[in-house]
Protein backbone atom coordinates (compact mmCIF):
# COMPACT_ATOMS: atom_id res chain seq x y z
CA MET A 1 -38.28 142.34 46.49
CA SER A 2 -38.53 143.91 49.94
CA GLU A 3 -38.05 141.83 53.07
CA GLU A 4 -41.68 142.70 54.07
CA LYS A 5 -42.96 140.85 50.94
CA CYS A 6 -40.41 138.08 50.72
CA ILE A 7 -42.12 134.73 51.26
CA PHE A 8 -38.90 133.20 52.65
CA CYS A 9 -38.56 136.02 55.18
CA LEU A 10 -42.14 135.55 56.22
CA ILE A 11 -41.51 131.76 56.53
CA ALA A 12 -38.47 132.49 58.67
CA LYS A 13 -40.41 134.77 60.97
CA GLY A 14 -43.10 132.20 61.38
CA GLU A 15 -45.78 134.29 59.57
CA ILE A 16 -46.25 131.70 56.90
CA PRO A 17 -46.23 127.91 57.79
CA CYS A 18 -43.74 125.47 56.36
CA ALA A 19 -42.84 121.80 56.80
CA LYS A 20 -39.74 122.65 58.94
CA VAL A 21 -37.12 120.00 59.14
CA TYR A 22 -34.20 121.98 60.86
CA GLU A 23 -33.63 125.34 62.48
CA ASP A 24 -30.79 127.07 64.39
CA ASP A 25 -30.06 130.72 65.18
CA SER A 26 -29.15 131.62 61.57
CA VAL A 27 -30.58 129.00 59.26
CA LEU A 28 -33.97 127.33 58.52
CA ALA A 29 -34.62 124.29 56.39
CA PHE A 30 -38.04 123.12 55.20
CA LEU A 31 -39.53 120.97 52.49
CA ASP A 32 -39.91 122.43 48.97
CA LEU A 33 -43.56 122.69 47.90
CA SER A 34 -42.66 121.61 44.37
CA PRO A 35 -40.10 118.76 45.02
CA VAL A 36 -37.99 117.07 42.48
CA HIS A 37 -38.32 114.00 44.73
CA PRO A 38 -40.03 113.70 48.14
CA GLY A 39 -37.63 115.04 50.67
CA HIS A 40 -36.37 117.86 48.50
CA THR A 41 -35.46 120.49 51.07
CA LEU A 42 -34.68 124.15 50.99
CA VAL A 43 -32.05 125.68 53.37
CA ILE A 44 -32.27 129.47 53.84
CA PRO A 45 -30.55 132.04 56.03
CA LYS A 46 -33.20 133.59 58.31
CA GLU A 47 -31.89 136.98 57.39
CA HIS A 48 -32.64 138.37 53.90
CA TYR A 49 -29.97 138.23 51.25
CA LYS A 50 -30.76 138.56 47.60
CA ASP A 51 -28.07 136.10 46.33
CA MET A 52 -24.57 134.73 46.98
CA LEU A 53 -22.93 138.01 46.16
CA HIS A 54 -24.76 139.66 49.12
CA VAL A 55 -24.24 136.93 51.82
CA PRO A 56 -21.62 137.75 54.36
CA CYS A 57 -18.87 135.13 54.43
CA GLU A 58 -19.37 134.64 58.17
CA LEU A 59 -22.66 133.00 57.43
CA GLY A 60 -20.91 130.23 55.48
CA THR A 61 -20.13 128.06 58.42
CA ALA A 62 -23.73 128.00 59.61
CA VAL A 63 -25.01 127.27 56.09
CA PHE A 64 -22.46 124.54 55.39
CA SER A 65 -23.16 122.86 58.75
CA ALA A 66 -26.86 122.93 57.99
CA LEU A 67 -26.32 121.57 54.54
CA LYS A 68 -24.28 118.59 55.88
CA LYS A 69 -26.80 117.80 58.67
CA VAL A 70 -29.94 118.14 56.55
CA GLY A 71 -28.34 116.37 53.50
CA ALA A 72 -27.54 113.31 55.64
CA ALA A 73 -31.03 113.42 57.22
CA VAL A 74 -32.69 113.58 53.84
CA MET A 75 -30.66 110.73 52.60
CA GLY A 76 -31.57 108.66 55.67
CA ALA A 77 -35.30 109.60 55.52
CA THR A 78 -35.71 108.89 51.74
CA GLY A 79 -33.18 106.07 51.23
CA ALA A 80 -31.45 108.12 48.65
CA SER A 81 -28.02 107.07 47.50
CA GLY A 82 -26.87 110.63 47.07
CA PHE A 83 -27.99 114.21 46.91
CA ASN A 84 -27.49 117.45 44.94
CA VAL A 85 -26.91 120.78 46.60
CA MET A 86 -27.97 123.48 44.15
CA GLN A 87 -28.09 127.26 44.49
CA ASN A 88 -28.97 129.72 41.70
CA ASN A 89 -27.88 133.35 41.40
CA GLY A 90 -29.80 135.66 39.09
CA LEU A 91 -32.79 135.16 36.80
CA SER A 92 -30.67 133.73 33.93
CA ALA A 93 -29.34 131.04 36.34
CA GLY A 94 -32.87 129.99 37.22
CA GLN A 95 -33.22 131.99 40.48
CA THR A 96 -36.96 132.65 40.96
CA MET A 97 -37.03 133.50 44.77
CA PHE A 98 -34.73 136.35 45.51
CA HIS A 99 -33.88 135.30 49.02
CA ILE A 100 -30.82 133.16 48.71
CA HIS A 101 -31.50 129.40 49.29
CA TRP A 102 -29.97 126.07 48.64
CA HIS A 103 -31.78 123.03 47.37
CA ILE A 104 -30.99 119.63 48.79
CA ILE A 105 -32.34 117.20 46.20
CA PRO A 106 -32.28 113.46 47.09
CA ARG A 107 -30.97 111.29 44.27
CA PHE A 108 -31.46 107.67 43.37
CA ASP A 109 -29.59 105.40 41.03
CA GLY A 110 -31.42 105.53 37.67
CA ASP A 111 -33.75 108.38 38.59
CA GLY A 112 -33.27 109.81 35.11
CA LEU A 113 -32.28 113.34 36.28
CA GLY A 114 -29.34 115.04 34.90
CA VAL A 115 -27.45 118.01 36.17
CA TRP A 116 -26.52 119.92 33.04
CA GLU A 117 -24.98 119.30 29.60
CA GLN A 118 -21.31 119.70 29.60
CA GLY A 119 -19.45 121.51 26.88
CA LYS A 120 -15.71 121.74 25.90
CA TYR A 121 -13.27 124.52 25.21
CA PRO A 122 -12.14 124.48 21.57
CA ASP A 123 -8.55 124.06 22.73
CA ALA A 124 -6.20 124.51 25.70
CA ALA A 125 -5.35 128.05 24.70
CA ALA A 126 -9.10 129.06 24.91
CA MET A 127 -9.30 127.52 28.33
CA GLN A 128 -6.23 129.36 29.59
CA ASP A 129 -7.42 132.58 28.12
CA MET A 130 -10.74 132.27 30.03
CA ALA A 131 -8.79 131.36 33.19
CA ALA A 132 -6.72 134.55 32.81
CA LYS A 133 -9.85 136.66 32.18
CA VAL A 134 -11.59 135.33 35.34
CA ALA A 135 -8.50 135.80 37.39
CA SER A 136 -8.09 139.41 36.25
CA TYR A 137 -11.54 140.18 37.82
CA LEU A 138 -10.31 138.79 41.23
CA GLU A 139 -7.66 141.49 41.15
CA LYS A 140 -10.17 144.36 40.84
């Protein structure tokens, strides 16, 4: 998707309205139109990046700072006892908007939401084999 047609880019430029909760020079945070719980907030870089693999590392400080500030504010405003920060990369991981964004989802004791089903490696050797395989890609 081009930046000209990206809804999040248009929101960041002020061309589409949003329920803004936070903004600085690099980052914008606004309420999700389809919240898991009221207060569910999206945090986006104002500049267009498709996914995590395209974001410059220098942006990390601004994003992390915003996630901390907005996460605390969401907990305060909603009375949540915790929150999830979620970010999806690629269609198979659930990414539907191809402008990187982080979800801050307020959580409450007994809210019935899970995160994901956890699996197991068949044995320690299979786990070590996978660790070695992943590590080999870091060397490339």
